[in-house]
């Protein structure tokens, strides 16, 4: 039976990731050392910091696929649900959380690749000078004043608007 699209993307993401410095044993999902018999308990144990790093990497690999597929995905909410502290020392959002994803202006690279999908639609407003890949573009969101969004098929934008830097992604 062929894998679903989502399963293929998870597999591609996992295959791309370098797990060479991961833990010392493989086991079923939900493994707990507390439930192991002494004979099965591994003698090698990651430090708390090493465990945090592995958890963070697994979260990022999974979040890459989820963010690519879900336009409403919130990596901070997901990281917190994974047991990862998302706050910096000042109590704000830790920029490391979203910096671990392969994104550019809210666009996610296709799982298992270093490429973005081609833009099929762009957005702008009547008062804007540029068109954007999405409302996630920081230049769009910083200048957006609530005007109605105009949507155009990629490649069919009137000459009135110039491409924003968010459109300069290598999309091939």
C-alpha atoms as a PDB file:
ATOM      1  CA  UNK A   1       0.000   0.000   0.000  1.00  0.00           C
ATOM      2  CA  UNK A   2       1.373   3.431  -0.953  1.00  0.00           C
ATOM      3  CA  UNK A   3       2.128   5.932   1.800  1.00  0.00           C
ATOM      4  CA  UNK A   4      -0.182   8.892   2.228  1.00  0.00           C
ATOM      5  CA  UNK A   5       1.185  12.265   1.218  1.00  0.00           C
ATOM      6  CA  UNK A   6       1.708  13.242   4.846  1.00  0.00           C
ATOM      7  CA  UNK A   7       3.492   9.970   5.631  1.00  0.00           C
ATOM      8  CA  UNK A   8       5.795  10.507   2.640  1.00  0.00           C
ATOM      9  CA  UNK A   9       6.632  13.985   3.865  1.00  0.00           C
ATOM     10  CA  UNK A  10       7.417  12.797   7.380  1.00  0.00           C
ATOM     11  CA  UNK A  11       9.593  10.046   5.952  1.00  0.00           C
ATOM     12  CA  UNK A  12      11.417  12.508   3.683  1.00  0.00           C
ATOM     13  CA  UNK A  13      12.006  14.867   6.578  1.00  0.00           C
ATOM     14  CA  UNK A  14      13.295  12.109   8.834  1.00  0.00           C
ATOM     15  CA  UNK A  15      15.540  10.749   6.088  1.00  0.00           C
ATOM     16  CA  UNK A  16      17.045  14.192   5.512  1.00  0.00           C
ATOM     17  CA  UNK A  17      17.789  14.827   9.181  1.00  0.00           C
ATOM     18  CA  UNK A  18      21.170  13.764  10.594  1.00  0.00           C
ATOM     19  CA  UNK A  19      20.448  11.581  13.599  1.00  0.00           C
ATOM     20  CA  UNK A  20      24.100  10.532  14.113  1.00  0.00           C
ATOM     21  CA  UNK A  21      24.284  12.079  17.560  1.00  0.00           C
ATOM     22  CA  UNK A  22      20.933  10.729  18.788  1.00  0.00           C
ATOM     23  CA  UNK A  23      20.466   8.415  21.827  1.00  0.00           C
ATOM     24  CA  UNK A  24      21.728   4.954  22.456  1.00  0.00           C
ATOM     25  CA  UNK A  25      18.714   2.722  21.989  1.00  0.00           C
ATOM     26  CA  UNK A  26      15.628   2.391  19.897  1.00  0.00           C
ATOM     27  CA  UNK A  27      12.393   1.300  21.438  1.00  0.00           C
ATOM     28  CA  UNK A  28       8.669   1.520  20.975  1.00  0.00           C
ATOM     29  CA  UNK A  29       6.903   4.878  20.991  1.00  0.00           C
ATOM     30  CA  UNK A  30       6.281   6.189  24.465  1.00  0.00           C
ATOM     31  CA  UNK A  31       9.232   4.313  25.980  1.00  0.00           C
ATOM     32  CA  UNK A  32       9.976   5.138  29.612  1.00  0.00           C
ATOM     33  CA  UNK A  33      13.102   4.028  31.457  1.00  0.00           C
ATOM     34  CA  UNK A  34      11.016   3.808  34.599  1.00  0.00           C
ATOM     35  CA  UNK A  35       9.116   0.885  33.068  1.00  0.00           C
ATOM     36  CA  UNK A  36      12.235  -1.016  31.993  1.00  0.00           C
ATOM     37  CA  UNK A  37      13.481  -3.990  33.899  1.00  0.00           C
ATOM     38  CA  UNK A  38      17.048  -3.500  35.161  1.00  0.00           C
ATOM     39  CA  UNK A  39      18.285  -5.940  32.504  1.00  0.00           C
ATOM     40  CA  UNK A  40      16.747  -3.877  29.690  1.00  0.00           C
ATOM     41  CA  UNK A  41      17.663  -0.457  31.081  1.00  0.00           C
ATOM     42  CA  UNK A  42      20.446   1.133  29.032  1.00  0.00           C
ATOM     43  CA  UNK A  43      23.577   2.060  30.977  1.00  0.00           C
ATOM     44  CA  UNK A  44      24.136   5.087  28.748  1.00  0.00           C
ATOM     45  CA  UNK A  45      21.834   8.015  29.479  1.00  0.00           C
ATOM     46  CA  UNK A  46      21.717  11.446  27.890  1.00  0.00           C
ATOM     47  CA  UNK A  47      22.164  14.444  30.132  1.00  0.00           C
ATOM     48  CA  UNK A  48      19.139  16.688  30.656  1.00  0.00           C
ATOM     49  CA  UNK A  49      20.581  19.157  28.128  1.00  0.00           C
ATOM     50  CA  UNK A  50      21.236  16.431  25.548  1.00  0.00           C
ATOM     51  CA  UNK A  51      17.672  15.163  26.015  1.00  0.00           C
ATOM     52  CA  UNK A  52      16.347  18.712  25.506  1.00  0.00           C
ATOM     53  CA  UNK A  53      18.330  19.008  22.279  1.00  0.00           C
ATOM     54  CA  UNK A  54      17.031  15.718  20.897  1.00  0.00           C
ATOM     55  CA  UNK A  55      13.459  16.712  21.780  1.00  0.00           C
ATOM     56  CA  UNK A  56      13.969  20.107  20.103  1.00  0.00           C
ATOM     57  CA  UNK A  57      15.291  18.489  16.904  1.00  0.00           C
ATOM     58  CA  UNK A  58      12.413  16.015  16.763  1.00  0.00           C
ATOM     59  CA  UNK A  59       9.962  18.900  17.294  1.00  0.00           C
ATOM     60  CA  UNK A  60      11.565  20.905  14.458  1.00  0.00           C
ATOM     61  CA  UNK A  61      11.553  18.000  12.014  1.00  0.00           C
ATOM     62  CA  UNK A  62       7.889  17.328  12.752  1.00  0.00           C
ATOM     63  CA  UNK A  63       6.974  21.032  12.773  1.00  0.00           C
ATOM     64  CA  UNK A  64       8.525  21.482   9.322  1.00  0.00           C
ATOM     65  CA  UNK A  65       6.005  19.028   7.873  1.00  0.00           C
ATOM     66  CA  UNK A  66       3.077  20.323   9.923  1.00  0.00           C
ATOM     67  CA  UNK A  67       3.799  23.960   9.042  1.00  0.00           C
ATOM     68  CA  UNK A  68       4.117  23.118   5.366  1.00  0.00           C
ATOM     69  CA  UNK A  69       0.702  21.435   5.399  1.00  0.00           C
ATOM     70  CA  UNK A  70      -1.265  23.616   7.813  1.00  0.00           C
ATOM     71  CA  UNK A  71      -1.544  27.377   7.180  1.00  0.00           C
ATOM     72  CA  UNK A  72      -2.807  27.801  10.754  1.00  0.00           C
ATOM     73  CA  UNK A  73       0.124  25.976  12.355  1.00  0.00           C
ATOM     74  CA  UNK A  74       1.678  27.706  15.377  1.00  0.00           C
ATOM     75  CA  UNK A  75       5.165  26.369  16.096  1.00  0.00           C
ATOM     76  CA  UNK A  76       5.219  27.892  19.590  1.00  0.00           C
ATOM     77  CA  UNK A  77       1.998  26.157  20.586  1.00  0.00           C
ATOM     78  CA  UNK A  78       3.292  22.913  19.106  1.00  0.00           C
ATOM     79  CA  UNK A  79       6.669  23.221  20.862  1.00  0.00           C
ATOM     80  CA  UNK A  80       4.960  23.834  24.203  1.00  0.00           C
ATOM     81  CA  UNK A  81       2.773  20.766  23.660  1.00  0.00           C
ATOM     82  CA  UNK A  82       5.997  18.818  23.015  1.00  0.00           C
ATOM     83  CA  UNK A  83       7.304  19.866  26.440  1.00  0.00           C
ATOM     84  CA  UNK A  84       9.708  22.511  25.167  1.00  0.00           C
ATOM     85  CA  UNK A  85      10.137  25.820  26.995  1.00  0.00           C
ATOM     86  CA  UNK A  86       9.367  28.514  24.410  1.00  0.00           C
ATOM     87  CA  UNK A  87      10.268  31.544  26.570  1.00  0.00           C
ATOM     88  CA  UNK A  88      13.560  33.417  26.634  1.00  0.00           C
ATOM     89  CA  UNK A  89      15.224  34.697  29.810  1.00  0.00           C
ATOM     90  CA  UNK A  90      13.136  37.904  29.647  1.00  0.00           C
ATOM     91  CA  UNK A  91       9.872  35.955  29.396  1.00  0.00           C
ATOM     92  CA  UNK A  92       9.230  36.685  25.714  1.00  0.00           C
ATOM     93  CA  UNK A  93       9.083  34.251  22.834  1.00  0.00           C
ATOM     94  CA  UNK A  94      12.373  32.463  22.238  1.00  0.00           C
ATOM     95  CA  UNK A  95      13.392  33.209  18.639  1.00  0.00           C
ATOM     96  CA  UNK A  96      15.267  29.913  18.506  1.00  0.00           C
ATOM     97  CA  UNK A  97      11.927  28.088  18.250  1.00  0.00           C
ATOM     98  CA  UNK A  98      10.937  29.422  14.829  1.00  0.00           C
ATOM     99  CA  UNK A  99      14.558  29.890  13.698  1.00  0.00           C
ATOM    100  CA  UNK A 100      14.903  26.096  13.557  1.00  0.00           C
ATOM    101  CA  UNK A 101      12.407  25.861  10.694  1.00  0.00           C
ATOM    102  CA  UNK A 102      13.234  26.221   7.015  1.00  0.00           C
ATOM    103  CA  UNK A 103      10.974  29.184   6.284  1.00  0.00           C
ATOM    104  CA  UNK A 104      11.137  32.571   4.624  1.00  0.00           C
ATOM    105  CA  UNK A 105       8.444  35.175   5.242  1.00  0.00           C
ATOM    106  CA  UNK A 106       5.987  32.539   6.455  1.00  0.00           C
ATOM    107  CA  UNK A 107       6.626  30.128   3.577  1.00  0.00           C
ATOM    108  CA  UNK A 108       7.842  26.646   4.472  1.00  0.00           C
ATOM    109  CA  UNK A 109      10.262  24.669   2.348  1.00  0.00           C
ATOM    110  CA  UNK A 110       8.826  21.450   0.957  1.00  0.00           C
ATOM    111  CA  UNK A 111       9.543  18.597   3.403  1.00  0.00           C
ATOM    112  CA  UNK A 112      12.611  16.574   2.568  1.00  0.00           C
ATOM    113  CA  UNK A 113      14.015  19.309   0.288  1.00  0.00           C
ATOM    114  CA  UNK A 114      15.675  22.693   0.417  1.00  0.00           C
ATOM    115  CA  UNK A 115      13.138  24.161  -2.030  1.00  0.00           C
ATOM    116  CA  UNK A 116      10.001  26.265  -1.854  1.00  0.00           C
ATOM    117  CA  UNK A 117       6.912  25.432  -3.871  1.00  0.00           C
ATOM    118  CA  UNK A 118       6.202  27.808  -6.740  1.00  0.00           C
ATOM    119  CA  UNK A 119       3.910  30.673  -5.760  1.00  0.00           C
ATOM    120  CA  UNK A 120       0.457  30.195  -7.280  1.00  0.00           C
ATOM    121  CA  UNK A 121      -1.157  33.282  -5.772  1.00  0.00           C
ATOM    122  CA  UNK A 122       0.129  36.613  -4.475  1.00  0.00           C
ATOM    123  CA  UNK A 123      -1.519  39.298  -2.363  1.00  0.00           C
ATOM    124  CA  UNK A 124      -1.431  43.066  -2.159  1.00  0.00           C
ATOM    125  CA  UNK A 125      -3.702  46.025  -1.399  1.00  0.00           C
ATOM    126  CA  UNK A 126      -4.745  49.001  -3.482  1.00  0.00           C
ATOM    127  CA  UNK A 127      -2.467  51.289  -1.423  1.00  0.00           C
ATOM    128  CA  UNK A 128       0.594  49.044  -1.495  1.00  0.00           C
ATOM    129  CA  UNK A 129       3.587  49.441  -3.805  1.00  0.00           C
ATOM    130  CA  UNK A 130       4.413  45.734  -3.803  1.00  0.00           C
ATOM    131  CA  UNK A 131       2.827  42.310  -3.971  1.00  0.00           C
ATOM    132  CA  UNK A 132       3.699  39.585  -1.491  1.00  0.00           C
ATOM    133  CA  UNK A 133       3.893  35.789  -1.228  1.00  0.00           C
ATOM    134  CA  UNK A 134       1.571  35.810   1.786  1.00  0.00           C
ATOM    135  CA  UNK A 135       0.249  37.882   4.663  1.00  0.00           C
ATOM    136  CA  UNK A 136       3.101  36.356   6.701  1.00  0.00           C
ATOM    137  CA  UNK A 137       5.596  38.665   4.967  1.00  0.00           C
ATOM    138  CA  UNK A 138       6.959  41.006   7.641  1.00  0.00           C
ATOM    139  CA  UNK A 139       6.956  43.968   5.240  1.00  0.00           C
ATOM    140  CA  UNK A 140       3.316  43.311   4.355  1.00  0.00           C
ATOM    141  CA  UNK A 141       2.194  42.913   7.964  1.00  0.00           C
ATOM    142  CA  UNK A 142       4.106  45.993   9.146  1.00  0.00           C
ATOM    143  CA  UNK A 143       2.452  48.205   6.523  1.00  0.00           C
ATOM    144  CA  UNK A 144      -0.980  46.576   6.371  1.00  0.00           C
ATOM    145  CA  UNK A 145      -3.731  48.958   7.493  1.00  0.00           C
ATOM    146  CA  UNK A 146      -6.742  46.660   7.122  1.00  0.00           C
ATOM    147  CA  UNK A 147      -7.471  47.468   3.479  1.00  0.00           C
ATOM    148  CA  UNK A 148      -9.202  44.762   1.409  1.00  0.00           C
ATOM    149  CA  UNK A 149      -6.772  42.166   0.109  1.00  0.00           C
ATOM    150  CA  UNK A 150      -6.313  41.839  -3.618  1.00  0.00           C
ATOM    151  CA  UNK A 151      -5.312  38.399  -4.886  1.00  0.00           C
ATOM    152  CA  UNK A 152      -3.675  37.640  -8.201  1.00  0.00           C
ATOM    153  CA  UNK A 153      -2.449  34.473  -9.821  1.00  0.00           C
ATOM    154  CA  UNK A 154       1.331  34.418  -9.798  1.00  0.00           C
ATOM    155  CA  UNK A 155       2.593  35.892 -13.047  1.00  0.00           C
ATOM    156  CA  UNK A 156      -0.611  37.876 -13.630  1.00  0.00           C
ATOM    157  CA  UNK A 157       0.012  40.847 -11.339  1.00  0.00           C
ATOM    158  CA  UNK A 158      -0.616  44.252 -12.950  1.00  0.00           C
ATOM    159  CA  UNK A 159       2.540  46.328 -13.506  1.00  0.00           C
ATOM    160  CA  UNK A 160       1.340  48.807 -10.836  1.00  0.00           C
ATOM    161  CA  UNK A 161       2.839  46.525  -8.168  1.00  0.00           C
ATOM    162  CA  UNK A 162       6.456  45.405  -7.900  1.00  0.00           C
ATOM    163  CA  UNK A 163       7.544  42.169  -6.196  1.00  0.00           C
ATOM    164  CA  UNK A 164       8.457  42.377  -2.529  1.00  0.00           C
ATOM    165  CA  UNK A 165      11.709  40.809  -1.356  1.00  0.00           C
ATOM    166  CA  UNK A 166       9.595  37.916  -0.033  1.00  0.00           C
ATOM    167  CA  UNK A 167       9.014  36.963  -3.685  1.00  0.00           C
ATOM    168  CA  UNK A 168      12.759  36.508  -4.286  1.00  0.00           C
ATOM    169  CA  UNK A 169      12.733  32.971  -2.865  1.00  0.00           C
ATOM    170  CA  UNK A 170      14.292  30.287  -4.980  1.00  0.00           C
ATOM    171  CA  UNK A 171      11.002  28.577  -5.768  1.00  0.00           C
ATOM    172  CA  UNK A 172      12.323  25.859  -8.074  1.00  0.00           C
END
